[in-house]
Amino acid sequence: MVDKWRLIIDGPGHPAWNMAVDEALLNGQHLNNATPVLRFYTWDRPTLSIGHFQKANSISVERLQALGIYPVRRISGGAAVLHGCDLTYSVTARVGGHLPLGIMASCQYICRGILEGLQMLGIPAEFGQDRSSSDRPASCFVISASTDIVYQGRKLAGSAQHRKGEALLQHGSIMLRDNAQMLEQLFSSTAQDSIALEQILQRPLSDRELITTLRTGFSQALGIKLGESGLEKKERAMAEQLVEVVAHRWP
């Protein structure tokens, strides 16, 4: 039997709204055992999403202001992700059944959809390997792990999870266009360990083309049927309640 998931495709959104919607969808999974949701979205301004456990002093407020980057704290873990040149996805679902219980296993299971989509674009990407590091980097794309997706050793997509009971929220960022210059200005470190899709393909790639490809990739790799929808009334109401909460989580 094919599992049915909802597909939500959103355009550019305010950072606090983007995070509030994902949290509202997670609450729906936790409280109501709702249908799993795959959501794609972008950002209406340059944004730095900061991991739930990341210390505020690892980010320079002065540099954020100088570069015009809006900070927002995620409820998922991991290091900071610079948005604006990427496509962001989220999955909200309950573990069990086809979705493994473990964090690493469930993350890799979901990411199979991304790998399948990238294969359709002619990109033989793969999972990264965990690297030991004495200092945890402030930027997510400086170092890769076994739940990340890499191309020829360079990080292409990163993901992080948050659990609420048996419900999970997985956030992920897929690099679409090169943002190395801004990363270097923000973190004072080179971005040579990351790569964007347009650099690999050597051609422009629109959000729409990537979403269409990934939609097929998720369907084929996970054996799911995706039905496109928008937010339900109760989900939108919950997101509207959460926006102010999200906006005040940083620092």
Protein backbone atom coordinates (compact mmCIF):
# COMPACT_ATOMS: atom_id res chain seq x y z
CA MET A 1 0.00 0.00 0.00
CA VAL A 2 1.39 3.41 -1.00
CA ASP A 3 1.63 5.96 1.82
CA LYS A 4 -0.06 9.29 1.12
CA TRP A 5 1.72 12.50 2.11
CA ARG A 6 0.74 16.12 1.74
CA LEU A 7 2.92 18.40 -0.37
CA ILE A 8 3.04 22.12 0.44
CA ILE A 9 4.91 24.41 -1.96
CA ASP A 10 5.37 27.91 -0.54
CA GLY A 11 7.02 30.94 -2.10
CA PRO A 12 9.34 33.33 -0.25
CA GLY A 13 8.29 33.80 3.37
CA HIS A 14 9.36 35.89 6.36
CA PRO A 15 11.89 33.95 8.46
CA ALA A 16 9.69 33.87 11.59
CA TRP A 17 6.70 32.75 9.51
CA ASN A 18 8.67 29.97 7.83
CA MET A 19 9.71 28.57 11.20
CA ALA A 20 6.25 29.06 12.72
CA VAL A 21 4.60 27.07 9.92
CA ASP A 22 6.98 24.15 10.37
CA GLU A 23 6.38 24.16 14.11
CA ALA A 24 2.60 24.26 13.60
CA LEU A 25 2.85 21.26 11.26
CA LEU A 26 4.94 19.42 13.87
CA ASN A 27 2.32 20.13 16.53
CA GLY A 28 -0.30 18.68 14.22
CA GLN A 29 1.70 15.46 13.99
CA HIS A 30 2.19 15.33 17.74
CA LEU A 31 -1.40 16.07 18.74
CA ASN A 32 -3.44 14.60 15.92
CA ASN A 33 -1.30 11.96 14.18
CA ALA A 34 -1.82 13.94 10.97
CA THR A 35 -0.85 12.96 7.43
CA PRO A 36 2.93 13.42 6.88
CA VAL A 37 3.87 16.67 5.15
CA LEU A 38 6.71 17.51 2.74
CA ARG A 39 7.07 21.27 2.45
CA PHE A 40 9.31 23.34 0.15
CA TYR A 41 9.88 27.04 0.73
CA THR A 42 12.26 29.96 0.26
CA TRP A 43 12.97 33.20 2.13
CA ASP A 44 11.92 36.79 1.46
CA ARG A 45 15.25 38.18 2.73
CA PRO A 46 18.78 36.91 3.49
CA THR A 47 18.38 34.86 6.67
CA LEU A 48 20.57 32.99 9.10
CA SER A 49 18.69 30.17 10.82
CA ILE A 50 20.49 29.28 14.03
CA GLY A 51 20.38 25.81 15.57
CA HIS A 52 18.31 25.23 18.69
CA PHE A 53 21.33 24.54 20.93
CA GLN A 54 23.75 26.94 19.24
CA LYS A 55 25.25 29.57 21.53
CA ALA A 56 24.44 33.19 20.71
CA ASN A 57 28.09 34.24 21.06
CA SER A 58 29.03 32.02 18.10
CA ILE A 59 27.29 34.52 15.81
CA SER A 60 28.42 38.13 15.27
CA VAL A 61 25.40 40.42 15.60
CA GLU A 62 27.42 43.26 14.12
CA ARG A 63 28.19 41.27 10.96
CA LEU A 64 24.57 40.21 10.60
CA GLN A 65 23.50 43.85 10.74
CA ALA A 66 26.23 45.01 8.37
CA LEU A 67 25.33 42.36 5.80
CA GLY A 68 21.58 42.86 6.17
CA ILE A 69 20.97 39.29 7.32
CA TYR A 70 17.93 38.49 9.48
CA PRO A 71 18.59 36.00 12.32
CA VAL A 72 16.02 33.42 13.41
CA ARG A 73 16.39 30.44 15.74
CA ARG A 74 15.20 27.02 14.57
CA ILE A 75 13.79 24.39 16.90
CA SER A 76 15.90 21.79 15.07
CA GLY A 77 19.52 21.23 15.98
CA GLY A 78 22.74 21.69 14.08
CA ALA A 79 24.76 24.77 13.22
CA ALA A 80 23.70 28.00 11.50
CA VAL A 81 22.46 27.92 7.90
CA LEU A 82 22.60 30.93 5.58
CA HIS A 83 19.43 31.11 3.48
CA GLY A 84 18.71 33.10 0.36
CA CYS A 85 20.56 31.05 -2.24
CA ASP A 86 19.01 27.73 -1.26
CA LEU A 87 15.81 25.74 -1.40
CA THR A 88 14.61 24.75 2.05
CA TYR A 89 12.50 21.71 2.78
CA SER A 90 10.82 20.33 5.87
CA VAL A 91 9.26 16.98 6.65
CA THR A 92 6.81 16.53 9.50
CA ALA A 93 5.80 12.96 10.26
CA ARG A 94 5.60 10.32 12.97
CA VAL A 95 8.26 7.66 13.40
CA GLY A 96 7.37 4.01 13.08
CA GLY A 97 6.32 1.93 10.13
CA HIS A 98 8.49 2.85 7.15
CA LEU A 99 10.08 5.77 9.01
CA PRO A 100 12.88 4.48 11.29
CA LEU A 101 12.90 5.35 14.99
CA GLY A 102 16.52 6.48 15.22
CA ILE A 103 17.45 10.07 14.39
CA MET A 104 20.30 9.21 12.01
CA ALA A 105 18.38 6.40 10.31
CA SER A 106 15.22 8.47 9.89
CA CYS A 107 17.20 11.44 8.59
CA GLN A 108 18.93 9.32 5.97
CA TYR A 109 15.62 7.67 5.06
CA ILE A 110 14.06 11.06 4.31
CA CYS A 111 17.16 12.26 2.47
CA ARG A 112 16.86 9.35 0.05
CA GLY A 113 14.23 11.48 -1.67
CA ILE A 114 16.79 14.24 -2.22
CA LEU A 115 19.43 11.82 -3.48
CA GLU A 116 16.93 10.34 -5.95
CA GLY A 117 15.99 13.79 -7.22
CA LEU A 118 19.64 14.77 -7.66
CA GLN A 119 20.27 11.57 -9.62
CA MET A 120 17.48 12.65 -11.97
CA LEU A 121 19.40 15.89 -12.53
CA GLY A 122 22.50 13.87 -13.39
CA ILE A 123 24.23 14.56 -10.05
CA PRO A 124 25.68 11.43 -8.39
CA ALA A 125 25.52 12.77 -4.84
CA GLU A 126 25.94 10.61 -1.73
CA PHE A 127 25.86 10.77 2.05
CA GLY A 128 28.82 12.41 3.76
CA GLN A 129 31.04 10.93 6.42
CA ASP A 130 31.29 12.04 10.02
CA ARG A 131 34.42 14.02 10.71
CA SER A 132 35.92 14.59 14.12
CA SER A 133 36.35 18.25 14.99
CA SER A 134 37.63 19.77 18.22
CA ASP A 135 35.73 22.99 17.50
CA ARG A 136 32.10 22.81 16.41
CA PRO A 137 31.79 25.22 13.45
CA ALA A 138 29.24 28.04 13.61
CA SER A 139 28.25 27.45 9.97
CA CYS A 140 26.48 24.25 8.97
CA PHE A 141 28.12 24.14 5.53
CA VAL A 142 31.70 24.21 6.80
CA ILE A 143 31.71 20.51 7.70
CA SER A 144 29.67 17.50 6.59
CA ALA A 145 28.27 14.54 8.52
CA SER A 146 26.73 11.17 7.63
CA THR A 147 23.27 12.72 7.46
CA ASP A 148 24.42 15.38 4.97
CA ILE A 149 24.55 15.09 1.19
CA VAL A 150 27.83 15.70 -0.62
CA TYR A 151 29.11 15.84 -4.18
CA GLN A 152 32.74 14.83 -4.67
CA GLY A 153 33.32 15.42 -0.96
CA ARG A 154 31.79 18.90 -0.90
CA LYS A 155 28.60 19.55 1.04
CA LEU A 156 25.50 20.16 -1.04
CA ALA A 157 22.66 19.74 1.46
CA GLY A 158 22.34 19.60 5.23
CA SER A 159 19.53 18.44 7.49
CA ALA A 160 18.61 18.55 11.18
CA GLN A 161 15.76 17.19 13.28
CA HIS A 162 13.59 18.01 16.25
CA ARG A 163 11.45 15.42 18.03
CA LYS A 164 8.22 15.92 19.94
CA GLY A 165 7.11 12.58 21.29
CA GLU A 166 6.84 10.28 18.27
CA ALA A 167 6.55 13.24 15.90
CA LEU A 168 9.55 14.64 14.05
CA LEU A 169 10.36 17.80 12.15
CA GLN A 170 13.28 17.57 9.75
CA HIS A 171 14.66 20.79 8.32
CA GLY A 172 16.96 20.75 5.33
CA SER A 173 18.76 23.24 3.08
CA ILE A 174 19.79 22.42 -0.50
CA MET A 175 22.34 24.80 -1.98
CA LEU A 176 21.01 26.13 -5.26
CA ARG A 177 23.32 29.07 -5.99
CA ASP A 178 26.80 29.93 -4.77
CA ASN A 179 26.82 32.02 -1.60
CA ALA A 180 30.49 31.54 -0.68
CA GLN A 181 31.28 35.26 -0.60
CA MET A 182 28.62 36.07 1.98
CA LEU A 183 29.49 33.00 4.04
CA GLU A 184 33.10 34.13 4.16
CA GLN A 185 32.10 37.65 5.18
CA LEU A 186 29.81 36.33 7.90
CA PHE A 187 32.01 33.63 9.41
CA SER A 188 35.52 34.76 8.38
CA SER A 189 36.23 31.31 6.96
CA THR A 190 36.38 29.86 3.47
CA ALA A 191 33.43 27.96 2.05
CA GLN A 192 35.54 25.62 -0.07
CA ASP A 193 33.94 22.56 1.54
CA SER A 194 30.50 23.37 0.10
CA ILE A 195 29.13 23.49 -3.45
CA ALA A 196 25.89 24.62 -5.10
CA LEU A 197 23.76 22.86 -7.70
CA GLU A 198 24.28 25.56 -10.32
CA GLN A 199 28.04 25.18 -9.93
CA ILE A 200 27.77 21.45 -10.61
CA LEU A 201 25.31 21.76 -13.51
CA GLN A 202 26.98 24.89 -14.92
CA ARG A 203 23.57 26.32 -15.80
CA PRO A 204 20.77 28.22 -14.05
CA LEU A 205 18.36 26.09 -12.04
CA SER A 206 15.05 27.55 -10.92
CA ASP A 207 13.30 26.79 -7.63
CA ARG A 208 10.39 25.36 -9.64
CA GLU A 209 12.56 22.94 -11.65
CA LEU A 210 14.29 21.70 -8.51
CA ILE A 211 11.01 21.26 -6.64
CA THR A 212 9.48 19.34 -9.54
CA THR A 213 12.46 17.02 -9.67
CA LEU A 214 12.60 16.50 -5.91
CA ARG A 215 8.87 15.84 -5.80
CA THR A 216 9.39 12.90 -8.14
CA GLY A 217 12.50 11.85 -6.22
CA PHE A 218 10.66 11.66 -2.91
CA SER A 219 7.75 9.77 -4.46
CA GLN A 220 10.01 7.17 -6.05
CA ALA A 221 12.57 6.75 -3.28
CA LEU A 222 10.10 6.58 -0.38
CA GLY A 223 7.22 4.92 -2.22
CA ILE A 224 4.79 7.71 -1.33
CA LYS A 225 2.03 9.53 -3.16
CA LEU A 226 2.19 13.31 -2.77
CA GLY A 227 -1.01 15.34 -2.90
CA GLU A 228 -0.43 19.07 -3.22
CA SER A 229 -2.28 21.23 -0.68
CA GLY A 230 -2.04 24.43 1.31
CA LEU A 231 -2.15 24.99 5.03
CA GLU A 232 -5.33 23.92 6.74
CA LYS A 233 -7.25 26.58 8.66
CA LYS A 234 -6.19 25.26 12.08
CA GLU A 235 -2.54 25.00 10.95
CA ARG A 236 -2.53 28.60 9.74
CA ALA A 237 -4.12 29.79 12.98
CA MET A 238 -1.48 27.97 15.03
CA ALA A 239 1.34 29.39 12.87
CA GLU A 240 -0.04 32.91 13.36
CA GLN A 241 0.06 32.36 17.13
CA LEU A 242 3.65 31.09 16.97
CA VAL A 243 5.13 33.89 14.84
CA GLU A 244 5.81 36.28 17.73
CA VAL A 245 7.20 33.45 19.85
CA VAL A 246 9.62 32.48 17.09
CA ALA A 247 10.65 36.09 16.47
CA HIS A 248 11.75 36.47 20.11
CA ARG A 249 13.79 33.25 20.38
CA TRP A 250 16.93 34.98 19.17
CA PRO A 251 19.24 35.60 20.88
